[in-house]
Amino acid sequence: MGKKADAKIKDFIKKVKKKYKVEKAILFGSRARGDNFNDSDYDVIIVSPDFINIFFTQRIAKMYNFWKHYPLEIEPICYTPEEFEKMKKRIGLVKKAVEEGIEI
């Protein structure tokens, strides 16, 4: 994780942090790698204890309230800290995001 995230996604995360206790936010995918197109979406993992006892799909709906005002296509994946710790040890998307993503 050595690259820089652009100002648009940083601003989105800043707004989320005003309402939720965000322990970690990671931009991953083509935007983090730098091989994106102008219309590529922003893939972001958001980790917060505030997601405990909230269904996975409801977490994304809550994030929609923040990104609906942005001219961006944002694909948030929301985890509790416990879920994130478990998922980052498995082979798959979260592990790859931790290895190659940009922490915001």
PDB file of N, CA and C in Angstrom:
ATOM      1  N   MET A   1       0.836  -1.185   0.000  1.00  0.00           N
ATOM      2  CA  MET A   1       0.000   0.000   0.000  1.00  0.00           C
ATOM      3  C   MET A   1       0.878   1.245   0.000  1.00  0.00           C
ATOM      4  N   GLY A   2       1.319   1.676  -1.163  1.00  0.00           N
ATOM      5  CA  GLY A   2       2.177   2.829  -1.200  1.00  0.00           C
ATOM      6  C   GLY A   2       1.665   3.963  -2.064  1.00  0.00           C
ATOM      7  N   LYS A   3       0.650   3.732  -2.863  1.00  0.00           N
ATOM      8  CA  LYS A   3       0.134   4.743  -3.772  1.00  0.00           C
ATOM      9  C   LYS A   3      -0.812   5.684  -3.038  1.00  0.00           C
ATOM     10  N   LYS A   4      -1.238   6.727  -3.745  1.00  0.00           N
ATOM     11  CA  LYS A   4      -2.126   7.705  -3.129  1.00  0.00           C
ATOM     12  C   LYS A   4      -3.541   7.568  -3.702  1.00  0.00           C
ATOM     13  N   ALA A   5      -4.516   7.730  -2.853  1.00  0.00           N
ATOM     14  CA  ALA A   5      -5.910   7.739  -3.299  1.00  0.00           C
ATOM     15  C   ALA A   5      -6.260   9.155  -3.743  1.00  0.00           C
ATOM     16  N   ASP A   6      -7.187   9.270  -4.685  1.00  0.00           N
ATOM     17  CA  ASP A   6      -7.527  10.613  -5.135  1.00  0.00           C
ATOM     18  C   ASP A   6      -8.464  11.324  -4.159  1.00  0.00           C
ATOM     19  N   ALA A   7      -8.577  12.613  -4.341  1.00  0.00           N
ATOM     20  CA  ALA A   7      -9.312  13.474  -3.407  1.00  0.00           C
ATOM     21  C   ALA A   7     -10.790  13.109  -3.305  1.00  0.00           C
ATOM     22  N   LYS A   8     -11.389  12.622  -4.386  1.00  0.00           N
ATOM     23  CA  LYS A   8     -12.827  12.317  -4.365  1.00  0.00           C
ATOM     24  C   LYS A   8     -13.150  11.215  -3.366  1.00  0.00           C
ATOM     25  N   ILE A   9     -12.381  10.148  -3.397  1.00  0.00           N
ATOM     26  CA  ILE A   9     -12.671   9.033  -2.492  1.00  0.00           C
ATOM     27  C   ILE A   9     -12.263   9.392  -1.067  1.00  0.00           C
ATOM     28  N   LYS A  10     -11.227  10.196  -0.917  1.00  0.00           N
ATOM     29  CA  LYS A  10     -10.838  10.665   0.420  1.00  0.00           C
ATOM     30  C   LYS A  10     -11.964  11.495   1.036  1.00  0.00           C
ATOM     31  N   ASP A  11     -12.581  12.336   0.225  1.00  0.00           N
ATOM     32  CA  ASP A  11     -13.683  13.166   0.712  1.00  0.00           C
ATOM     33  C   ASP A  11     -14.879  12.304   1.118  1.00  0.00           C
ATOM     34  N   PHE A  12     -15.169  11.278   0.329  1.00  0.00           N
ATOM     35  CA  PHE A  12     -16.251  10.353   0.658  1.00  0.00           C
ATOM     36  C   PHE A  12     -15.996   9.702   2.016  1.00  0.00           C
ATOM     37  N   ILE A  13     -14.795   9.193   2.227  1.00  0.00           N
ATOM     38  CA  ILE A  13     -14.457   8.538   3.496  1.00  0.00           C
ATOM     39  C   ILE A  13     -14.510   9.539   4.649  1.00  0.00           C
ATOM     40  N   LYS A  14     -14.076  10.760   4.405  1.00  0.00           N
ATOM     41  CA  LYS A  14     -14.127  11.789   5.450  1.00  0.00           C
ATOM     42  C   LYS A  14     -15.571  12.012   5.916  1.00  0.00           C
ATOM     43  N   LYS A  15     -16.506  12.026   4.975  1.00  0.00           N
ATOM     44  CA  LYS A  15     -17.920  12.204   5.325  1.00  0.00           C
ATOM     45  C   LYS A  15     -18.460  10.989   6.092  1.00  0.00           C
ATOM     46  N   VAL A  16     -18.060   9.806   5.684  1.00  0.00           N
ATOM     47  CA  VAL A  16     -18.479   8.588   6.386  1.00  0.00           C
ATOM     48  C   VAL A  16     -17.965   8.623   7.825  1.00  0.00           C
ATOM     49  N   LYS A  17     -16.735   9.078   8.011  1.00  0.00           N
ATOM     50  CA  LYS A  17     -16.123   9.127   9.345  1.00  0.00           C
ATOM     51  C   LYS A  17     -16.833  10.091  10.293  1.00  0.00           C
ATOM     52  N   LYS A  18     -17.555  11.046   9.745  1.00  0.00           N
ATOM     53  CA  LYS A  18     -18.307  11.973  10.602  1.00  0.00           C
ATOM     54  C   LYS A  18     -19.479  11.282  11.283  1.00  0.00           C
ATOM     55  N   LYS A  19     -19.964  10.193  10.680  1.00  0.00           N
ATOM     56  CA  LYS A  19     -21.114   9.487  11.246  1.00  0.00           C
ATOM     57  C   LYS A  19     -20.749   8.130  11.848  1.00  0.00           C
ATOM     58  N   TYR A  20     -19.732   7.486  11.308  1.00  0.00           N
ATOM     59  CA  TYR A  20     -19.346   6.145  11.749  1.00  0.00           C
ATOM     60  C   TYR A  20     -17.903   6.138  12.250  1.00  0.00           C
ATOM     61  N   LYS A  21     -17.642   5.270  13.206  1.00  0.00           N
ATOM     62  CA  LYS A  21     -16.269   5.087  13.699  1.00  0.00           C
ATOM     63  C   LYS A  21     -15.567   4.148  12.714  1.00  0.00           C
ATOM     64  N   VAL A  22     -14.866   4.719  11.774  1.00  0.00           N
ATOM     65  CA  VAL A  22     -14.171   3.939  10.752  1.00  0.00           C
ATOM     66  C   VAL A  22     -12.771   3.613  11.261  1.00  0.00           C
ATOM     67  N   GLU A  23     -12.510   2.335  11.445  1.00  0.00           N
ATOM     68  CA  GLU A  23     -11.182   1.898  11.891  1.00  0.00           C
ATOM     69  C   GLU A  23     -10.219   1.755  10.728  1.00  0.00           C
ATOM     70  N   LYS A  24     -10.773   1.467   9.557  1.00  0.00           N
ATOM     71  CA  LYS A  24      -9.926   1.253   8.386  1.00  0.00           C
ATOM     72  C   LYS A  24     -10.764   1.464   7.133  1.00  0.00           C
ATOM     73  N   ALA A  25     -10.142   2.083   6.129  1.00  0.00           N
ATOM     74  CA  ALA A  25     -10.754   2.219   4.808  1.00  0.00           C
ATOM     75  C   ALA A  25      -9.659   1.932   3.787  1.00  0.00           C
ATOM     76  N   ILE A  26      -9.951   1.033   2.869  1.00  0.00           N
ATOM     77  CA  ILE A  26      -8.953   0.616   1.876  1.00  0.00           C
ATOM     78  C   ILE A  26      -9.549   0.730   0.476  1.00  0.00           C
ATOM     79  N   LEU A  27      -8.914   1.526  -0.361  1.00  0.00           N
ATOM     80  CA  LEU A  27      -9.252   1.588  -1.776  1.00  0.00           C
ATOM     81  C   LEU A  27      -8.511   0.442  -2.452  1.00  0.00           C
ATOM     82  N   PHE A  28      -9.222  -0.336  -3.262  1.00  0.00           N
ATOM     83  CA  PHE A  28      -8.576  -1.459  -3.948  1.00  0.00           C
ATOM     84  C   PHE A  28      -9.102  -1.558  -5.368  1.00  0.00           C
ATOM     85  N   GLY A  29      -8.586  -2.486  -6.114  1.00  0.00           N
ATOM     86  CA  GLY A  29      -9.022  -2.659  -7.495  1.00  0.00           C
ATOM     87  C   GLY A  29      -8.257  -1.747  -8.443  1.00  0.00           C
ATOM     88  N   SER A  30      -8.853  -1.473  -9.596  1.00  0.00           N
ATOM     89  CA  SER A  30      -8.156  -0.732 -10.652  1.00  0.00           C
ATOM     90  C   SER A  30      -7.756   0.677 -10.227  1.00  0.00           C
ATOM     91  N   ARG A  31      -8.570   1.327  -9.408  1.00  0.00           N
ATOM     92  CA  ARG A  31      -8.218   2.685  -8.949  1.00  0.00           C
ATOM     93  C   ARG A  31      -6.971   2.661  -8.075  1.00  0.00           C
ATOM     94  N   ALA A  32      -6.817   1.651  -7.262  1.00  0.00           N
ATOM     95  CA  ALA A  32      -5.627   1.533  -6.410  1.00  0.00           C
ATOM     96  C   ALA A  32      -4.404   1.119  -7.232  1.00  0.00           C
ATOM     97  N   ARG A  33      -4.623   0.259  -8.218  1.00  0.00           N
ATOM     98  CA  ARG A  33      -3.501  -0.210  -9.048  1.00  0.00           C
ATOM     99  C   ARG A  33      -3.044   0.849 -10.044  1.00  0.00           C
ATOM    100  N   GLY A  34      -3.960   1.761 -10.396  1.00  0.00           N
ATOM    101  CA  GLY A  34      -3.629   2.786 -11.372  1.00  0.00           C
ATOM    102  C   GLY A  34      -3.899   2.380 -12.801  1.00  0.00           C
ATOM    103  N   ASP A  35      -4.609   1.269 -13.009  1.00  0.00           N
ATOM    104  CA  ASP A  35      -4.927   0.839 -14.371  1.00  0.00           C
ATOM    105  C   ASP A  35      -6.412   1.035 -14.683  1.00  0.00           C
ATOM    106  N   ASN A  36      -7.004   2.020 -14.035  1.00  0.00           N
ATOM    107  CA  ASN A  36      -8.425   2.311 -14.204  1.00  0.00           C
ATOM    108  C   ASN A  36      -8.685   3.140 -15.456  1.00  0.00           C
ATOM    109  N   PHE A  37      -9.945   3.151 -15.871  1.00  0.00           N
ATOM    110  CA  PHE A  37     -10.430   4.036 -16.913  1.00  0.00           C
ATOM    111  C   PHE A  37     -11.112   5.217 -16.227  1.00  0.00           C
ATOM    112  N   ASN A  38     -11.429   6.256 -16.973  1.00  0.00           N
ATOM    113  CA  ASN A  38     -12.089   7.427 -16.377  1.00  0.00           C
ATOM    114  C   ASN A  38     -13.403   7.067 -15.704  1.00  0.00           C
ATOM    115  N   ASP A  39     -14.116   6.085 -16.257  1.00  0.00           N
ATOM    116  CA  ASP A  39     -15.423   5.725 -15.700  1.00  0.00           C
ATOM    117  C   ASP A  39     -15.363   4.501 -14.775  1.00  0.00           C
ATOM    118  N   SER A  40     -14.161   4.091 -14.379  1.00  0.00           N
ATOM    119  CA  SER A  40     -14.033   2.950 -13.459  1.00  0.00           C
ATOM    120  C   SER A  40     -14.621   3.298 -12.099  1.00  0.00           C
ATOM    121  N   ASP A  41     -15.182   2.285 -11.448  1.00  0.00           N
ATOM    122  CA  ASP A  41     -15.742   2.517 -10.118  1.00  0.00           C
ATOM    123  C   ASP A  41     -14.642   2.544  -9.064  1.00  0.00           C
ATOM    124  N   TYR A  42     -15.026   2.958  -7.878  1.00  0.00           N
ATOM    125  CA  TYR A  42     -14.132   3.001  -6.727  1.00  0.00           C
ATOM    126  C   TYR A  42     -14.519   1.853  -5.804  1.00  0.00           C
ATOM    127  N   ASP A  43     -13.652   0.867  -5.690  1.00  0.00           N
ATOM    128  CA  ASP A  43     -13.877  -0.264  -4.786  1.00  0.00           C
ATOM    129  C   ASP A  43     -13.235   0.089  -3.453  1.00  0.00           C
ATOM    130  N   VAL A  44     -14.023   0.041  -2.386  1.00  0.00           N
ATOM    131  CA  VAL A  44     -13.494   0.434  -1.086  1.00  0.00           C
ATOM    132  C   VAL A  44     -14.030  -0.471   0.018  1.00  0.00           C
ATOM    133  N   ILE A  45     -13.133  -0.904   0.887  1.00  0.00           N
ATOM    134  CA  ILE A  45     -13.514  -1.660   2.082  1.00  0.00           C
ATOM    135  C   ILE A  45     -13.570  -0.670   3.231  1.00  0.00           C
ATOM    136  N   ILE A  46     -14.660  -0.711   3.981  1.00  0.00           N
ATOM    137  CA  ILE A  46     -14.828   0.150   5.148  1.00  0.00           C
ATOM    138  C   ILE A  46     -15.029  -0.754   6.355  1.00  0.00           C
ATOM    139  N   VAL A  47     -14.204  -0.555   7.379  1.00  0.00           N
ATOM    140  CA  VAL A  47     -14.259  -1.376   8.589  1.00  0.00           C
ATOM    141  C   VAL A  47     -14.702  -0.497   9.755  1.00  0.00           C
ATOM    142  N   SER A  48     -15.790  -0.909  10.408  1.00  0.00           N
ATOM    143  CA  SER A  48     -16.312  -0.129  11.532  1.00  0.00           C
ATOM    144  C   SER A  48     -17.039  -1.025  12.526  1.00  0.00           C
ATOM    145  N   PRO A  49     -16.839  -0.781  13.827  1.00  0.00           N
ATOM    146  CA  PRO A  49     -17.609  -1.516  14.829  1.00  0.00           C
ATOM    147  C   PRO A  49     -19.090  -1.126  14.797  1.00  0.00           C
ATOM    148  N   ASP A  50     -19.394  -0.008  14.158  1.00  0.00           N
ATOM    149  CA  ASP A  50     -20.790   0.428  14.047  1.00  0.00           C
ATOM    150  C   ASP A  50     -21.618  -0.479  13.141  1.00  0.00           C
ATOM    151  N   PHE A  51     -20.966  -1.369  12.399  1.00  0.00           N
ATOM    152  CA  PHE A  51     -21.679  -2.298  11.519  1.00  0.00           C
ATOM    153  C   PHE A  51     -22.134  -3.569  12.242  1.00  0.00           C
ATOM    154  N   ILE A  52     -21.734  -3.715  13.492  1.00  0.00           N
ATOM    155  CA  ILE A  52     -22.145  -4.892  14.266  1.00  0.00           C
ATOM    156  C   ILE A  52     -23.671  -4.907  14.373  1.00  0.00           C
ATOM    157  N   ASN A  53     -24.267  -6.069  14.168  1.00  0.00           N
ATOM    158  CA  ASN A  53     -25.720  -6.281  14.221  1.00  0.00           C
ATOM    159  C   ASN A  53     -26.492  -5.588  13.100  1.00  0.00           C
ATOM    160  N   ILE A  54     -25.808  -5.217  12.029  1.00  0.00           N
ATOM    161  CA  ILE A  54     -26.468  -4.662  10.846  1.00  0.00           C
ATOM    162  C   ILE A  54     -26.206  -5.638   9.704  1.00  0.00           C
ATOM    163  N   PHE A  55     -27.273  -6.072   9.032  1.00  0.00           N
ATOM    164  CA  PHE A  55     -27.109  -6.994   7.911  1.00  0.00           C
ATOM    165  C   PHE A  55     -26.189  -6.389   6.853  1.00  0.00           C
ATOM    166  N   PHE A  56     -25.441  -7.256   6.177  1.00  0.00           N
ATOM    167  CA  PHE A  56     -24.450  -6.837   5.190  1.00  0.00           C
ATOM    168  C   PHE A  56     -25.055  -5.894   4.145  1.00  0.00           C
ATOM    169  N   THR A  57     -26.215  -6.247   3.600  1.00  0.00           N
ATOM    170  CA  THR A  57     -26.842  -5.412   2.569  1.00  0.00           C
ATOM    171  C   THR A  57     -27.306  -4.072   3.128  1.00  0.00           C
ATOM    172  N   GLN A  58     -27.702  -4.041   4.373  1.00  0.00           N
ATOM    173  CA  GLN A  58     -28.123  -2.779   4.993  1.00  0.00           C
ATOM    174  C   GLN A  58     -26.935  -1.835   5.192  1.00  0.00           C
ATOM    175  N   ARG A  59     -25.778  -2.394   5.412  1.00  0.00           N
ATOM    176  CA  ARG A  59     -24.569  -1.566   5.552  1.00  0.00           C
ATOM    177  C   ARG A  59     -24.308  -0.802   4.261  1.00  0.00           C
ATOM    178  N   ILE A  60     -24.437  -1.499   3.140  1.00  0.00           N
ATOM    179  CA  ILE A  60     -24.214  -0.864   1.842  1.00  0.00           C
ATOM    180  C   ILE A  60     -25.265   0.209   1.596  1.00  0.00           C
ATOM    181  N   ALA A  61     -26.504  -0.076   1.968  1.00  0.00           N
ATOM    182  CA  ALA A  61     -27.571   0.914   1.821  1.00  0.00           C
ATOM    183  C   ALA A  61     -27.262   2.165   2.638  1.00  0.00           C
ATOM    184  N   LYS A  62     -26.706   1.993   3.821  1.00  0.00           N
ATOM    185  CA  LYS A  62     -26.332   3.142   4.650  1.00  0.00           C
ATOM    186  C   LYS A  62     -25.226   3.955   3.976  1.00  0.00           C
ATOM    187  N   MET A  63     -24.300   3.293   3.310  1.00  0.00           N
ATOM    188  CA  MET A  63     -23.225   3.994   2.603  1.00  0.00           C
ATOM    189  C   MET A  63     -23.770   4.753   1.400  1.00  0.00           C
ATOM    190  N   TYR A  64     -24.853   4.242   0.810  1.00  0.00           N
ATOM    191  CA  TYR A  64     -25.467   4.920  -0.336  1.00  0.00           C
ATOM    192  C   TYR A  64     -25.866   6.343   0.028  1.00  0.00           C
ATOM    193  N   ASN A  65     -26.303   6.558   1.254  1.00  0.00           N
ATOM    194  CA  ASN A  65     -26.684   7.906   1.687  1.00  0.00           C
ATOM    195  C   ASN A  65     -25.530   8.891   1.571  1.00  0.00           C
ATOM    196  N   PHE A  66     -24.310   8.400   1.612  1.00  0.00           N
ATOM    197  CA  PHE A  66     -23.146   9.266   1.463  1.00  0.00           C
ATOM    198  C   PHE A  66     -22.753   9.449   0.003  1.00  0.00           C
ATOM    199  N   TRP A  67     -22.785   8.355  -0.785  1.00  0.00           N
ATOM    200  CA  TRP A  67     -22.266   8.476  -2.143  1.00  0.00           C
ATOM    201  C   TRP A  67     -23.307   8.915  -3.158  1.00  0.00           C
ATOM    202  N   LYS A  68     -24.578   8.974  -2.803  1.00  0.00           N
ATOM    203  CA  LYS A  68     -25.591   9.400  -3.784  1.00  0.00           C
ATOM    204  C   LYS A  68     -25.399  10.853  -4.204  1.00  0.00           C
ATOM    205  N   HIS A  69     -24.658  11.616  -3.422  1.00  0.00           N
ATOM    206  CA  HIS A  69     -24.407  13.021  -3.735  1.00  0.00           C
ATOM    207  C   HIS A  69     -23.119  13.218  -4.537  1.00  0.00           C
ATOM    208  N   TYR A  70     -22.414  12.141  -4.816  1.00  0.00           N
ATOM    209  CA  TYR A  70     -21.150  12.211  -5.548  1.00  0.00           C
ATOM    210  C   TYR A  70     -21.354  11.745  -6.983  1.00  0.00           C
ATOM    211  N   PRO A  71     -20.631  12.356  -7.912  1.00  0.00           N
ATOM    212  CA  PRO A  71     -20.698  11.889  -9.302  1.00  0.00           C
ATOM    213  C   PRO A  71     -19.739  10.712  -9.523  1.00  0.00           C
ATOM    214  N   LEU A  72     -19.708   9.797  -8.554  1.00  0.00           N
ATOM    215  CA  LEU A  72     -18.801   8.656  -8.597  1.00  0.00           C
ATOM    216  C   LEU A  72     -19.586   7.365  -8.497  1.00  0.00           C
ATOM    217  N   GLU A  73     -19.033   6.335  -9.066  1.00  0.00           N
ATOM    218  CA  GLU A  73     -19.587   4.996  -8.867  1.00  0.00           C
ATOM    219  C   GLU A  73     -18.734   4.346  -7.785  1.00  0.00           C
ATOM    220  N   ILE A  74     -19.288   4.230  -6.584  1.00  0.00           N
ATOM    221  CA  ILE A  74     -18.555   3.683  -5.447  1.00  0.00           C
ATOM    222  C   ILE A  74     -19.138   2.327  -5.088  1.00  0.00           C
ATOM    223  N   GLU A  75     -18.269   1.357  -4.895  1.00  0.00           N
ATOM    224  CA  GLU A  75     -18.668   0.003  -4.512  1.00  0.00           C
ATOM    225  C   GLU A  75     -18.099  -0.289  -3.121  1.00  0.00           C
ATOM    226  N   PRO A  76     -18.839   0.073  -2.072  1.00  0.00           N
ATOM    227  CA  PRO A  76     -18.326  -0.179  -0.726  1.00  0.00           C
ATOM    228  C   PRO A  76     -18.589  -1.613  -0.270  1.00  0.00           C
ATOM    229  N   ILE A  77     -17.638  -2.158   0.462  1.00  0.00           N
ATOM    230  CA  ILE A  77     -17.808  -3.444   1.138  1.00  0.00           C
ATOM    231  C   ILE A  77     -17.559  -3.145   2.605  1.00  0.00           C
ATOM    232  N   CYS A  78     -18.553  -3.377   3.426  1.00  0.00           N
ATOM    233  CA  CYS A  78     -18.511  -2.956   4.826  1.00  0.00           C
ATOM    234  C   CYS A  78     -18.388  -4.153   5.764  1.00  0.00           C
ATOM    235  N   TYR A  79     -17.381  -4.097   6.625  1.00  0.00           N
ATOM    236  CA  TYR A  79     -17.128  -5.172   7.582  1.00  0.00           C
ATOM    237  C   TYR A  79     -17.025  -4.631   9.002  1.00  0.00           C
ATOM    238  N   THR A  80     -17.361  -5.482   9.950  1.00  0.00           N
ATOM    239  CA  THR A  80     -17.029  -5.197  11.342  1.00  0.00           C
ATOM    240  C   THR A  80     -15.538  -5.510  11.492  1.00  0.00           C
ATOM    241  N   PRO A  81     -14.885  -5.024  12.543  1.00  0.00           N
ATOM    242  CA  PRO A  81     -13.471  -5.363  12.733  1.00  0.00           C
ATOM    243  C   PRO A  81     -13.225  -6.871  12.815  1.00  0.00           C
ATOM    244  N   GLU A  82     -14.110  -7.587  13.475  1.00  0.00           N
ATOM    245  CA  GLU A  82     -13.950  -9.038  13.607  1.00  0.00           C
ATOM    246  C   GLU A  82     -14.068  -9.736  12.255  1.00  0.00           C
ATOM    247  N   GLU A  83     -15.047  -9.326  11.454  1.00  0.00           N
ATOM    248  CA  GLU A  83     -15.215  -9.909  10.120  1.00  0.00           C
ATOM    249  C   GLU A  83     -13.986  -9.635   9.259  1.00  0.00           C
ATOM    250  N   PHE A  84     -13.506  -8.407   9.325  1.00  0.00           N
ATOM    251  CA  PHE A  84     -12.346  -8.016   8.526  1.00  0.00           C
ATOM    252  C   PHE A  84     -11.121  -8.846   8.897  1.00  0.00           C
ATOM    253  N   GLU A  85     -10.855  -8.995  10.182  1.00  0.00           N
ATOM    254  CA  GLU A  85      -9.702  -9.780  10.631  1.00  0.00           C
ATOM    255  C   GLU A  85      -9.790 -11.222  10.139  1.00  0.00           C
ATOM    256  N   LYS A  86     -10.978 -11.759  10.162  1.00  0.00           N
ATOM    257  CA  LYS A  86     -11.200 -13.131   9.700  1.00  0.00           C
ATOM    258  C   LYS A  86     -11.002 -13.233   8.176  1.00  0.00           C
ATOM    259  N   MET A  87     -11.586 -12.281   7.449  1.00  0.00           N
ATOM    260  CA  MET A  87     -11.554 -12.327   5.989  1.00  0.00           C
ATOM    261  C   MET A  87     -10.164 -12.059   5.415  1.00  0.00           C
ATOM    262  N   LYS A  88      -9.371 -11.222   6.061  1.00  0.00           N
ATOM    263  CA  LYS A  88      -8.064 -10.883   5.489  1.00  0.00           C
ATOM    264  C   LYS A  88      -7.070 -12.036   5.571  1.00  0.00           C
ATOM    265  N   LYS A  89      -7.394 -13.056   6.346  1.00  0.00           N
ATOM    266  CA  LYS A  89      -6.521 -14.225   6.459  1.00  0.00           C
ATOM    267  C   LYS A  89      -6.828 -15.271   5.391  1.00  0.00           C
ATOM    268  N   ARG A  90      -7.972 -15.125   4.744  1.00  0.00           N
ATOM    269  CA  ARG A  90      -8.375 -16.081   3.708  1.00  0.00           C
ATOM    270  C   ARG A  90      -7.872 -15.625   2.348  1.00  0.00           C
ATOM    271  N   ILE A  91      -7.712 -16.585   1.466  1.00  0.00           N
ATOM    272  CA  ILE A  91      -7.378 -16.241   0.088  1.00  0.00           C
ATOM    273  C   ILE A  91      -8.626 -15.626  -0.524  1.00  0.00           C
ATOM    274  N   GLY A  92      -8.478 -14.483  -1.130  1.00  0.00           N
ATOM    275  CA  GLY A  92      -9.624 -13.848  -1.758  1.00  0.00           C
ATOM    276  C   GLY A  92      -9.498 -12.334  -1.795  1.00  0.00           C
ATOM    277  N   LEU A  93     -10.632 -11.704  -2.016  1.00  0.00           N
ATOM    278  CA  LEU A  93     -10.711 -10.272  -2.252  1.00  0.00           C
ATOM    279  C   LEU A  93     -10.123  -9.439  -1.121  1.00  0.00           C
ATOM    280  N   VAL A  94     -10.479  -9.717   0.111  1.00  0.00           N
ATOM    281  CA  VAL A  94     -10.027  -8.898   1.234  1.00  0.00           C
ATOM    282  C   VAL A  94      -8.519  -9.027   1.423  1.00  0.00           C
ATOM    283  N   LYS A  95      -8.018 -10.225   1.339  1.00  0.00           N
ATOM    284  CA  LYS A  95      -6.570 -10.430   1.479  1.00  0.00           C
ATOM    285  C   LYS A  95      -5.820  -9.661   0.395  1.00  0.00           C
ATOM    286  N   LYS A  96      -6.319  -9.736  -0.828  1.00  0.00           N
ATOM    287  CA  LYS A  96      -5.686  -9.025  -1.942  1.00  0.00           C
ATOM    288  C   LYS A  96      -5.781  -7.510  -1.745  1.00  0.00           C
ATOM    289  N   ALA A  97      -6.908  -7.035  -1.250  1.00  0.00           N
ATOM    290  CA  ALA A  97      -7.080  -5.602  -0.990  1.00  0.00           C
ATOM    291  C   ALA A  97      -6.082  -5.116   0.054  1.00  0.00           C
ATOM    292  N   VAL A  98      -5.871  -5.910   1.093  1.00  0.00           N
ATOM    293  CA  VAL A  98      -4.909  -5.551   2.141  1.00  0.00           C
ATOM    294  C   VAL A  98      -3.492  -5.501   1.564  1.00  0.00           C
ATOM    295  N   GLU A  99      -3.167  -6.451   0.706  1.00  0.00           N
ATOM    296  CA  GLU A  99      -1.822  -6.533   0.131  1.00  0.00           C
ATOM    297  C   GLU A  99      -1.556  -5.451  -0.912  1.00  0.00           C
ATOM    298  N   GLU A 100      -2.563  -5.130  -1.738  1.00  0.00           N
ATOM    299  CA  GLU A 100      -2.348  -4.246  -2.881  1.00  0.00           C
ATOM    300  C   GLU A 100      -3.072  -2.908  -2.799  1.00  0.00           C
ATOM    301  N   GLY A 101      -3.959  -2.761  -1.840  1.00  0.00           N
ATOM    302  CA  GLY A 101      -4.777  -1.560  -1.775  1.00  0.00           C
ATOM    303  C   GLY A 101      -4.076  -0.364  -1.165  1.00  0.00           C
ATOM    304  N   ILE A 102      -4.812   0.731  -1.114  1.00  0.00           N
ATOM    305  CA  ILE A 102      -4.331   1.986  -0.548  1.00  0.00           C
ATOM    306  C   ILE A 102      -5.181   2.305   0.670  1.00  0.00           C
ATOM    307  N   GLU A 103      -4.554   2.409   1.819  1.00  0.00           N
ATOM    308  CA  GLU A 103      -5.303   2.769   3.024  1.00  0.00           C
ATOM    309  C   GLU A 103      -5.605   4.263   2.979  1.00  0.00           C
ATOM    310  N   ILE A 104      -6.860   4.579   3.234  1.00  0.00           N
ATOM    311  CA  ILE A 104      -7.308   5.974   3.172  1.00  0.00           C
ATOM    312  C   ILE A 104      -7.415   6.521   4.587  1.00  0.00           C
TER     313      ILE A 104
END
